[in-house]
Amino acid sequence: MHKEIANLREGYRIISDRYNNALTLISNHAEQSEQAAMRISEQVEKAAEKARDATDLAARTVEIAAALAKEKAEERGRVLLESVKLYADVSEALNTQIEATAQDAKAAQRGAALTVKLAADAAKDVAADAAATEAAILKR
């Protein structure tokens, strides 16, 4: 009888240790996911700021190019306008990339949240299984 009780206690301790390890793992994953999401968010903000700066630069370049086109020869004006178009294309590409990065960041956040939820559900199931096992053992 004492041996059975000792075995039950040892089994409960093992299940409790596993449960605690699972909770620690879930907590670590949640923290890492949150940190990753924050880093992605910061990078998206920096990229957006750089895109705004590039857009401003492109706009200023367009203004300068327009003024120079009036004052300079037609050929030189064409070259400057092509440069301006290139800046505009780069700016547009940067904006597109920022939007894609923002979508990726949102998807990563959703994925991290789903991972945390799945891990929490798994821990809940482990706890329920442990409780059911303990109840079944105690009924014997």
N, C-alpha and C. Protein backbone atom coordinates (compact mmCIF):
# COMPACT_ATOMS: atom_id res chain seq x y z
N MET A 1 0.83 -1.20 0.00
CA MET A 1 0.00 0.00 0.00
C MET A 1 0.88 1.26 0.00
N HIS A 2 1.90 1.27 0.87
CA HIS A 2 2.80 2.42 0.93
C HIS A 2 3.58 2.57 -0.37
N LYS A 3 3.94 1.42 -0.95
CA LYS A 3 4.68 1.45 -2.21
C LYS A 3 3.80 2.02 -3.33
N GLU A 4 2.52 1.65 -3.33
CA GLU A 4 1.61 2.17 -4.36
C GLU A 4 1.43 3.69 -4.20
N ILE A 5 1.30 4.13 -2.99
CA ILE A 5 1.16 5.56 -2.73
C ILE A 5 2.43 6.29 -3.16
N ALA A 6 3.57 5.71 -2.84
CA ALA A 6 4.85 6.31 -3.24
C ALA A 6 4.94 6.37 -4.76
N ASN A 7 4.51 5.30 -5.43
CA ASN A 7 4.53 5.28 -6.90
C ASN A 7 3.59 6.34 -7.48
N LEU A 8 2.41 6.47 -6.85
CA LEU A 8 1.46 7.49 -7.31
C LEU A 8 2.05 8.88 -7.14
N ARG A 9 2.67 9.10 -6.01
CA ARG A 9 3.28 10.41 -5.77
C ARG A 9 4.40 10.69 -6.78
N GLU A 10 5.20 9.67 -7.02
CA GLU A 10 6.30 9.84 -8.00
C GLU A 10 5.72 10.12 -9.39
N GLY A 11 4.67 9.40 -9.77
CA GLY A 11 4.02 9.63 -11.07
C GLY A 11 3.45 11.04 -11.14
N TYR A 12 2.82 11.46 -10.09
CA TYR A 12 2.26 12.81 -10.05
C TYR A 12 3.38 13.85 -10.16
N ARG A 13 4.49 13.62 -9.45
CA ARG A 13 5.63 14.54 -9.51
C ARG A 13 6.19 14.62 -10.93
N ILE A 14 6.29 13.48 -11.61
CA ILE A 14 6.80 13.46 -12.99
C ILE A 14 5.86 14.24 -13.90
N ILE A 15 4.56 13.99 -13.76
CA ILE A 15 3.58 14.70 -14.60
C ILE A 15 3.62 16.20 -14.29
N SER A 16 3.74 16.53 -13.03
CA SER A 16 3.81 17.93 -12.63
C SER A 16 5.06 18.59 -13.22
N ASP A 17 6.19 17.89 -13.17
CA ASP A 17 7.43 18.42 -13.76
C ASP A 17 7.26 18.64 -15.26
N ARG A 18 6.65 17.69 -15.94
CA ARG A 18 6.44 17.82 -17.39
C ARG A 18 5.51 19.01 -17.69
N TYR A 19 4.48 19.12 -16.88
CA TYR A 19 3.55 20.24 -17.06
C TYR A 19 4.27 21.57 -16.88
N ASN A 20 5.07 21.66 -15.81
CA ASN A 20 5.82 22.90 -15.55
C ASN A 20 6.82 23.17 -16.68
N ASN A 21 7.46 22.13 -17.18
CA ASN A 21 8.39 22.31 -18.31
C ASN A 21 7.64 22.79 -19.54
N ALA A 22 6.45 22.24 -19.78
CA ALA A 22 5.65 22.66 -20.94
C ALA A 22 5.24 24.14 -20.79
N LEU A 23 4.83 24.53 -19.59
CA LEU A 23 4.47 25.93 -19.37
C LEU A 23 5.66 26.85 -19.57
N THR A 24 6.83 26.45 -19.09
CA THR A 24 8.04 27.24 -19.28
C THR A 24 8.37 27.38 -20.76
N LEU A 25 8.25 26.28 -21.48
CA LEU A 25 8.51 26.29 -22.93
C LEU A 25 7.52 27.21 -23.64
N ILE A 26 6.26 27.14 -23.27
CA ILE A 26 5.24 28.01 -23.87
C ILE A 26 5.57 29.48 -23.59
N SER A 27 5.94 29.74 -22.37
CA SER A 27 6.27 31.11 -21.98
C SER A 27 7.46 31.61 -22.78
N ASN A 28 8.49 30.78 -22.92
CA ASN A 28 9.68 31.16 -23.70
C ASN A 28 9.32 31.43 -25.15
N HIS A 29 8.50 30.54 -25.74
CA HIS A 29 8.10 30.73 -27.13
C HIS A 29 7.27 32.00 -27.30
N ALA A 30 6.40 32.25 -26.37
CA ALA A 30 5.58 33.45 -26.45
C ALA A 30 6.46 34.70 -26.37
N GLU A 31 7.41 34.69 -25.47
CA GLU A 31 8.30 35.84 -25.32
C GLU A 31 9.15 36.04 -26.57
N GLN A 32 9.68 34.94 -27.12
CA GLN A 32 10.49 35.04 -28.34
C GLN A 32 9.64 35.53 -29.50
N SER A 33 8.41 35.06 -29.60
CA SER A 33 7.52 35.49 -30.67
C SER A 33 7.22 36.98 -30.54
N GLU A 34 6.98 37.41 -29.33
CA GLU A 34 6.69 38.82 -29.10
C GLU A 34 7.90 39.69 -29.47
N GLN A 35 9.09 39.24 -29.06
CA GLN A 35 10.30 40.00 -29.38
C GLN A 35 10.52 40.05 -30.89
N ALA A 36 10.30 38.93 -31.57
CA ALA A 36 10.47 38.90 -33.02
C ALA A 36 9.47 39.84 -33.69
N ALA A 37 8.25 39.82 -33.23
CA ALA A 37 7.23 40.70 -33.80
C ALA A 37 7.60 42.16 -33.57
N MET A 38 8.14 42.47 -32.41
CA MET A 38 8.54 43.85 -32.11
C MET A 38 9.69 44.27 -33.03
N ARG A 39 10.68 43.37 -33.22
CA ARG A 39 11.80 43.71 -34.10
C ARG A 39 11.31 43.93 -35.53
N ILE A 40 10.41 43.09 -35.98
CA ILE A 40 9.87 43.24 -37.34
C ILE A 40 9.12 44.56 -37.45
N SER A 41 8.34 44.86 -36.43
CA SER A 41 7.59 46.12 -36.44
C SER A 41 8.54 47.31 -36.50
N GLU A 42 9.61 47.28 -35.74
CA GLU A 42 10.58 48.37 -35.75
C GLU A 42 11.24 48.49 -37.12
N GLN A 43 11.55 47.34 -37.74
CA GLN A 43 12.18 47.37 -39.06
C GLN A 43 11.22 47.92 -40.10
N VAL A 44 9.96 47.57 -39.98
CA VAL A 44 8.96 48.09 -40.92
C VAL A 44 8.85 49.61 -40.77
N GLU A 45 8.85 50.08 -39.53
CA GLU A 45 8.78 51.53 -39.30
C GLU A 45 9.99 52.23 -39.89
N LYS A 46 11.19 51.65 -39.71
CA LYS A 46 12.40 52.26 -40.27
C LYS A 46 12.34 52.26 -41.79
N ALA A 47 11.87 51.16 -42.36
CA ALA A 47 11.77 51.08 -43.82
C ALA A 47 10.76 52.11 -44.34
N ALA A 48 9.67 52.28 -43.62
CA ALA A 48 8.67 53.28 -44.03
C ALA A 48 9.27 54.68 -43.98
N GLU A 49 10.03 54.96 -42.95
CA GLU A 49 10.67 56.27 -42.84
C GLU A 49 11.65 56.49 -43.99
N LYS A 50 12.41 55.46 -44.33
CA LYS A 50 13.35 55.59 -45.44
C LYS A 50 12.60 55.78 -46.76
N ALA A 51 11.49 55.12 -46.91
CA ALA A 51 10.69 55.28 -48.13
C ALA A 51 10.15 56.70 -48.23
N ARG A 52 9.69 57.24 -47.09
CA ARG A 52 9.21 58.62 -47.09
C ARG A 52 10.35 59.58 -47.47
N ASP A 53 11.53 59.33 -46.91
CA ASP A 53 12.68 60.18 -47.25
C ASP A 53 13.01 60.06 -48.73
N ALA A 54 12.97 58.85 -49.25
CA ALA A 54 13.25 58.65 -50.68
C ALA A 54 12.19 59.34 -51.54
N THR A 55 10.95 59.28 -51.10
CA THR A 55 9.88 59.95 -51.83
C THR A 55 10.07 61.46 -51.82
N ASP A 56 10.43 62.00 -50.67
CA ASP A 56 10.71 63.44 -50.57
C ASP A 56 11.88 63.81 -51.48
N LEU A 57 12.91 63.00 -51.44
CA LEU A 57 14.07 63.26 -52.29
C LEU A 57 13.68 63.22 -53.76
N ALA A 58 12.87 62.24 -54.12
CA ALA A 58 12.42 62.14 -55.51
C ALA A 58 11.60 63.36 -55.90
N ALA A 59 10.75 63.83 -55.00
CA ALA A 59 9.94 65.01 -55.30
C ALA A 59 10.82 66.24 -55.48
N ARG A 60 11.81 66.39 -54.62
CA ARG A 60 12.73 67.53 -54.76
C ARG A 60 13.53 67.42 -56.06
N THR A 61 13.91 66.19 -56.37
CA THR A 61 14.66 65.97 -57.61
C THR A 61 13.81 66.33 -58.82
N VAL A 62 12.53 65.99 -58.77
CA VAL A 62 11.62 66.35 -59.87
C VAL A 62 11.54 67.87 -60.02
N GLU A 63 11.42 68.56 -58.90
CA GLU A 63 11.36 70.02 -58.97
C GLU A 63 12.63 70.60 -59.57
N ILE A 64 13.77 70.10 -59.12
CA ILE A 64 15.05 70.58 -59.64
C ILE A 64 15.18 70.24 -61.11
N ALA A 65 14.79 69.02 -61.46
CA ALA A 65 14.89 68.59 -62.85
C ALA A 65 14.01 69.45 -63.75
N ALA A 66 12.83 69.79 -63.26
CA ALA A 66 11.94 70.64 -64.05
C ALA A 66 12.54 72.02 -64.27
N ALA A 67 13.13 72.59 -63.23
CA ALA A 67 13.77 73.90 -63.36
C ALA A 67 14.95 73.84 -64.31
N LEU A 68 15.76 72.81 -64.18
CA LEU A 68 16.92 72.66 -65.04
C LEU A 68 16.51 72.39 -66.49
N ALA A 69 15.42 71.65 -66.67
CA ALA A 69 14.96 71.33 -68.03
C ALA A 69 14.60 72.60 -68.78
N LYS A 70 14.04 73.56 -68.06
CA LYS A 70 13.71 74.84 -68.68
C LYS A 70 14.98 75.60 -69.07
N GLU A 71 15.99 75.52 -68.22
CA GLU A 71 17.19 76.33 -68.39
C GLU A 71 18.26 75.67 -69.27
N LYS A 72 18.29 74.39 -69.29
CA LYS A 72 19.38 73.67 -69.97
C LYS A 72 18.93 73.13 -71.31
N ALA A 73 19.86 72.52 -71.96
CA ALA A 73 19.58 71.95 -73.28
C ALA A 73 18.63 70.78 -73.17
N GLU A 74 17.97 70.47 -74.30
CA GLU A 74 16.98 69.41 -74.32
C GLU A 74 17.59 68.06 -73.93
N GLU A 75 18.75 67.75 -74.39
CA GLU A 75 19.38 66.47 -74.09
C GLU A 75 19.67 66.33 -72.60
N ARG A 76 20.23 67.38 -72.03
CA ARG A 76 20.54 67.34 -70.60
C ARG A 76 19.24 67.22 -69.79
N GLY A 77 18.21 67.89 -70.23
CA GLY A 77 16.92 67.78 -69.55
C GLY A 77 16.36 66.36 -69.62
N ARG A 78 16.54 65.69 -70.78
CA ARG A 78 16.07 64.30 -70.91
C ARG A 78 16.79 63.37 -69.93
N VAL A 79 18.09 63.56 -69.81
CA VAL A 79 18.87 62.71 -68.88
C VAL A 79 18.39 62.91 -67.45
N LEU A 80 18.18 64.17 -67.08
CA LEU A 80 17.72 64.45 -65.72
C LEU A 80 16.32 63.87 -65.48
N LEU A 81 15.46 63.98 -66.46
CA LEU A 81 14.11 63.44 -66.31
C LEU A 81 14.15 61.92 -66.16
N GLU A 82 15.04 61.28 -66.89
CA GLU A 82 15.18 59.82 -66.75
C GLU A 82 15.64 59.47 -65.34
N SER A 83 16.56 60.30 -64.81
CA SER A 83 17.01 60.08 -63.43
C SER A 83 15.85 60.24 -62.45
N VAL A 84 15.04 61.26 -62.70
CA VAL A 84 13.88 61.50 -61.84
C VAL A 84 12.93 60.32 -61.91
N LYS A 85 12.70 59.82 -63.12
CA LYS A 85 11.82 58.66 -63.27
C LYS A 85 12.40 57.46 -62.52
N LEU A 86 13.71 57.31 -62.60
CA LEU A 86 14.36 56.22 -61.87
C LEU A 86 14.14 56.37 -60.37
N TYR A 87 14.31 57.60 -59.86
CA TYR A 87 14.06 57.84 -58.44
C TYR A 87 12.61 57.53 -58.08
N ALA A 88 11.70 57.92 -58.93
CA ALA A 88 10.29 57.64 -58.68
C ALA A 88 10.02 56.15 -58.68
N ASP A 89 10.64 55.44 -59.64
CA ASP A 89 10.47 53.98 -59.69
C ASP A 89 11.05 53.32 -58.45
N VAL A 90 12.22 53.81 -58.02
CA VAL A 90 12.84 53.26 -56.80
C VAL A 90 11.93 53.53 -55.60
N SER A 91 11.41 54.73 -55.53
CA SER A 91 10.51 55.09 -54.43
C SER A 91 9.28 54.20 -54.42
N GLU A 92 8.71 53.99 -55.60
CA GLU A 92 7.53 53.13 -55.70
C GLU A 92 7.87 51.70 -55.30
N ALA A 93 9.04 51.22 -55.74
CA ALA A 93 9.47 49.87 -55.37
C ALA A 93 9.68 49.76 -53.87
N LEU A 94 10.25 50.81 -53.27
CA LEU A 94 10.44 50.81 -51.81
C LEU A 94 9.10 50.77 -51.09
N ASN A 95 8.15 51.55 -51.56
CA ASN A 95 6.83 51.55 -50.93
C ASN A 95 6.18 50.18 -51.05
N THR A 96 6.31 49.56 -52.21
CA THR A 96 5.76 48.22 -52.41
C THR A 96 6.43 47.22 -51.45
N GLN A 97 7.75 47.33 -51.33
CA GLN A 97 8.49 46.43 -50.44
C GLN A 97 8.08 46.65 -48.99
N ILE A 98 7.86 47.90 -48.62
CA ILE A 98 7.44 48.20 -47.24
C ILE A 98 6.07 47.58 -46.97
N GLU A 99 5.18 47.71 -47.92
CA GLU A 99 3.85 47.12 -47.74
C GLU A 99 3.95 45.61 -47.60
N ALA A 100 4.80 44.99 -48.43
CA ALA A 100 4.97 43.54 -48.35
C ALA A 100 5.59 43.15 -47.02
N THR A 101 6.57 43.93 -46.56
CA THR A 101 7.21 43.65 -45.27
C THR A 101 6.21 43.80 -44.13
N ALA A 102 5.37 44.81 -44.23
CA ALA A 102 4.34 45.01 -43.20
C ALA A 102 3.38 43.83 -43.18
N GLN A 103 3.00 43.35 -44.36
CA GLN A 103 2.11 42.18 -44.43
C GLN A 103 2.80 40.95 -43.84
N ASP A 104 4.11 40.79 -44.15
CA ASP A 104 4.87 39.67 -43.59
C ASP A 104 4.93 39.77 -42.07
N ALA A 105 5.12 41.00 -41.57
CA ALA A 105 5.18 41.20 -40.12
C ALA A 105 3.85 40.84 -39.48
N LYS A 106 2.76 41.25 -40.12
CA LYS A 106 1.44 40.91 -39.58
C LYS A 106 1.23 39.40 -39.61
N ALA A 107 1.65 38.77 -40.69
CA ALA A 107 1.51 37.31 -40.80
C ALA A 107 2.36 36.63 -39.73
N ALA A 108 3.57 37.15 -39.49
CA ALA A 108 4.44 36.58 -38.45
C ALA A 108 3.80 36.73 -37.08
N GLN A 109 3.18 37.89 -36.84
CA GLN A 109 2.52 38.11 -35.55
C GLN A 109 1.36 37.13 -35.40
N ARG A 110 0.58 36.97 -36.50
CA ARG A 110 -0.54 36.02 -36.42
C ARG A 110 -0.02 34.61 -36.18
N GLY A 111 1.08 34.25 -36.87
CA GLY A 111 1.66 32.92 -36.70
C GLY A 111 2.17 32.72 -35.29
N ALA A 112 2.80 33.74 -34.74
CA ALA A 112 3.31 33.64 -33.37
C ALA A 112 2.15 33.48 -32.39
N ALA A 113 1.09 34.24 -32.60
CA ALA A 113 -0.08 34.14 -31.72
C ALA A 113 -0.70 32.75 -31.82
N LEU A 114 -0.78 32.22 -33.04
CA LEU A 114 -1.34 30.88 -33.22
C LEU A 114 -0.46 29.84 -32.55
N THR A 115 0.86 29.99 -32.66
CA THR A 115 1.78 29.06 -32.02
C THR A 115 1.60 29.08 -30.51
N VAL A 116 1.48 30.27 -29.96
CA VAL A 116 1.28 30.40 -28.52
C VAL A 116 -0.04 29.74 -28.11
N LYS A 117 -1.09 29.98 -28.90
CA LYS A 117 -2.39 29.39 -28.58
C LYS A 117 -2.32 27.87 -28.64
N LEU A 118 -1.67 27.33 -29.68
CA LEU A 118 -1.55 25.88 -29.82
C LEU A 118 -0.75 25.29 -28.66
N ALA A 119 0.31 25.98 -28.29
CA ALA A 119 1.12 25.50 -27.18
C ALA A 119 0.33 25.54 -25.87
N ALA A 120 -0.44 26.60 -25.68
CA ALA A 120 -1.27 26.72 -24.48
C ALA A 120 -2.34 25.64 -24.46
N ASP A 121 -2.95 25.38 -25.62
CA ASP A 121 -3.95 24.31 -25.71
C ASP A 121 -3.32 22.96 -25.39
N ALA A 122 -2.10 22.73 -25.89
CA ALA A 122 -1.40 21.48 -25.62
C ALA A 122 -1.11 21.34 -24.13
N ALA A 123 -0.68 22.44 -23.51
CA ALA A 123 -0.41 22.41 -22.07
C ALA A 123 -1.69 22.14 -21.29
N LYS A 124 -2.80 22.72 -21.75
CA LYS A 124 -4.08 22.50 -21.10
C LYS A 124 -4.47 21.03 -21.21
N ASP A 125 -4.24 20.44 -22.39
CA ASP A 125 -4.54 19.02 -22.59
C ASP A 125 -3.67 18.15 -21.70
N VAL A 126 -2.39 18.51 -21.56
CA VAL A 126 -1.48 17.75 -20.70
C VAL A 126 -1.97 17.81 -19.26
N ALA A 127 -2.38 19.01 -18.84
CA ALA A 127 -2.86 19.17 -17.48
C ALA A 127 -4.14 18.35 -17.27
N ALA A 128 -5.04 18.35 -18.24
CA ALA A 128 -6.28 17.58 -18.13
C ALA A 128 -5.98 16.09 -18.08
N ASP A 129 -5.03 15.64 -18.94
CA ASP A 129 -4.63 14.23 -18.94
C ASP A 129 -4.01 13.85 -17.60
N ALA A 130 -3.19 14.75 -17.06
CA ALA A 130 -2.55 14.47 -15.77
C ALA A 130 -3.61 14.36 -14.67
N ALA A 131 -4.58 15.25 -14.70
CA ALA A 131 -5.64 15.21 -13.69
C ALA A 131 -6.47 13.94 -13.83
N ALA A 132 -6.78 13.55 -15.06
CA ALA A 132 -7.56 12.34 -15.29
C ALA A 132 -6.77 11.11 -14.85
N THR A 133 -5.48 11.09 -15.15
CA THR A 133 -4.63 9.96 -14.75
C THR A 133 -4.56 9.87 -13.23
N GLU A 134 -4.39 11.02 -12.60
CA GLU A 134 -4.31 11.04 -11.14
C GLU A 134 -5.64 10.54 -10.54
N ALA A 135 -6.76 11.00 -11.09
CA ALA A 135 -8.06 10.57 -10.58
C ALA A 135 -8.24 9.08 -10.76
N ALA A 136 -7.82 8.57 -11.92
CA ALA A 136 -7.96 7.13 -12.19
C ALA A 136 -7.09 6.32 -11.24
N ILE A 137 -5.89 6.82 -11.00
CA ILE A 137 -4.97 6.09 -10.09
C ILE A 137 -5.52 6.13 -8.68
N LEU A 138 -6.05 7.25 -8.27
CA LEU A 138 -6.57 7.37 -6.90
C LEU A 138 -7.82 6.51 -6.70
N LYS A 139 -8.60 6.26 -7.77
CA LYS A 139 -9.78 5.41 -7.65
C LYS A 139 -9.42 3.97 -7.40
N ARG A 140 -8.24 3.56 -7.83
CA ARG A 140 -7.81 2.16 -7.65
C ARG A 140 -7.59 1.89 -6.24
